[in-house]
Amino acid sequence: MYSAGNTAAIALAVRRRRFIRMFEEAGAMSPNTAIAVDVNDMKPRFMFKRMVAQGIFVEAAAGRFYLDEAREAEMRKERQKTVAGFVIVVAVLILIAYLFSSKIAF
């Protein structure tokens, strides 16, 4: 049912959402409300650093970060477009395979 890759992707999506929820619950939505974060305590650390590089979390001062809601929404839309494109490609490939297999059968 689920491959190791699917399971890892789901786990990363859950962790991404937890990071975002942590900042939302703390009210860290602007430089004035930024919260102190020890990057080494953020597990998985690479994901938090990637979200910082993407501009989802912004460092307001040394070790203090906030959630850029507009950037997070933009990145979410980009992910949705990527997934939708992938689904379309897979559907087209399945349709092509079906059409070719039905032609061969006759």
Protein backbone atom coordinates (compact mmCIF):
# COMPACT_ATOMS: atom_id res chain seq x y z
CA MET A 1 0.00 0.00 0.00
CA TYR A 2 2.59 2.58 1.10
CA SER A 3 6.18 2.49 -0.03
CA ALA A 4 9.06 3.75 2.08
CA GLY A 5 9.14 6.88 -0.08
CA ASN A 6 5.45 7.56 0.48
CA THR A 7 5.82 7.04 4.20
CA ALA A 8 8.78 9.42 4.35
CA ALA A 9 6.90 12.06 2.34
CA ILE A 10 3.91 11.79 4.66
CA ALA A 11 6.16 12.05 7.73
CA LEU A 12 7.85 15.16 6.33
CA ALA A 13 4.49 16.77 5.53
CA VAL A 14 3.31 16.10 9.08
CA ARG A 15 6.52 17.59 10.50
CA ARG A 16 6.23 20.66 8.22
CA ARG A 17 2.68 21.22 9.47
CA ARG A 18 3.80 20.83 13.11
CA PHE A 19 6.51 23.48 12.63
CA ILE A 20 3.96 25.87 11.15
CA ARG A 21 1.40 25.16 13.88
CA MET A 22 4.06 25.77 16.56
CA PHE A 23 4.66 29.28 15.20
CA GLU A 24 0.93 29.95 14.75
CA GLU A 25 0.13 28.88 18.32
CA ALA A 26 2.96 31.07 19.63
CA GLY A 27 1.62 34.00 17.60
CA ALA A 28 5.00 34.40 15.90
CA MET A 29 3.73 36.09 12.73
CA SER A 30 5.87 39.23 12.54
CA PRO A 31 9.33 40.46 13.50
CA ASN A 32 7.82 41.95 16.69
CA THR A 33 6.34 38.61 17.77
CA ALA A 34 9.26 36.38 16.68
CA ILE A 35 10.09 33.53 19.03
CA ALA A 36 13.45 32.22 20.14
CA VAL A 37 14.29 28.99 18.34
CA ASP A 38 17.32 26.77 18.81
CA VAL A 39 17.76 25.40 15.30
CA ASN A 40 19.56 22.37 16.72
CA ASP A 41 16.41 21.42 18.67
CA MET A 42 14.23 21.50 15.54
CA LYS A 43 13.89 17.91 14.33
CA PRO A 44 14.40 17.25 11.48
CA ARG A 45 16.84 20.16 11.43
CA PHE A 46 17.32 20.04 7.64
CA MET A 47 13.60 20.68 7.11
CA PHE A 48 13.54 23.72 9.38
CA LYS A 49 16.63 25.09 7.64
CA ARG A 50 15.02 24.48 4.23
CA MET A 51 11.88 26.32 5.35
CA VAL A 52 14.08 29.22 6.47
CA ALA A 53 15.84 29.19 3.08
CA GLN A 54 12.43 29.21 1.37
CA GLY A 55 11.40 32.25 3.41
CA ILE A 56 8.62 30.49 5.30
CA PHE A 57 10.37 31.16 8.60
CA VAL A 58 12.21 34.46 8.78
CA GLU A 59 14.96 35.28 11.25
CA ALA A 60 14.05 38.63 12.80
CA ALA A 61 17.00 38.75 15.17
CA ALA A 62 19.71 36.33 16.19
CA GLY A 63 17.89 33.09 16.96
CA ARG A 64 14.40 34.65 16.79
CA PHE A 65 12.10 33.54 13.98
CA TYR A 66 8.58 34.22 12.78
CA LEU A 67 6.23 32.62 10.26
CA ASP A 68 5.72 34.53 7.00
CA GLU A 69 2.11 33.50 6.37
CA ALA A 70 2.01 34.89 2.83
CA ARG A 71 5.15 33.00 1.82
CA GLU A 72 3.86 29.79 3.44
CA ALA A 73 0.58 30.09 1.48
CA GLU A 74 2.55 30.72 -1.72
CA MET A 75 4.73 27.64 -1.15
CA ARG A 76 1.63 25.54 -0.33
CA LYS A 77 0.05 26.58 -3.65
CA GLU A 78 3.28 25.68 -5.48
CA ARG A 79 3.26 22.21 -3.86
CA GLN A 80 -0.40 21.75 -4.81
CA LYS A 81 0.36 22.69 -8.42
CA THR A 82 3.25 20.23 -8.49
CA VAL A 83 1.09 17.42 -7.14
CA ALA A 84 -1.73 18.25 -9.56
CA GLY A 85 0.71 18.22 -12.49
CA PHE A 86 2.09 14.87 -11.38
CA VAL A 87 -1.40 13.40 -11.10
CA ILE A 88 -2.25 14.63 -14.60
CA VAL A 89 0.93 13.13 -16.07
CA VAL A 90 0.26 9.79 -14.39
CA ALA A 91 -3.37 9.81 -15.59
CA VAL A 92 -2.27 10.52 -19.16
CA LEU A 93 0.31 7.73 -19.02
CA ILE A 94 -2.29 5.30 -17.70
CA LEU A 95 -4.69 6.34 -20.47
CA ILE A 96 -1.99 5.89 -23.14
CA ALA A 97 -1.08 2.47 -21.73
CA TYR A 98 -4.74 1.47 -21.74
CA LEU A 99 -5.27 2.64 -25.32
CA PHE A 100 -2.16 0.82 -26.56
CA SER A 101 -3.04 -2.38 -24.69
CA SER A 102 -6.57 -2.39 -26.11
CA LYS A 103 -5.22 -1.92 -29.65
CA ILE A 104 -2.82 -4.81 -29.23
CA ALA A 105 -5.60 -7.09 -27.97
CA PHE A 106 -7.60 -6.68 -31.19
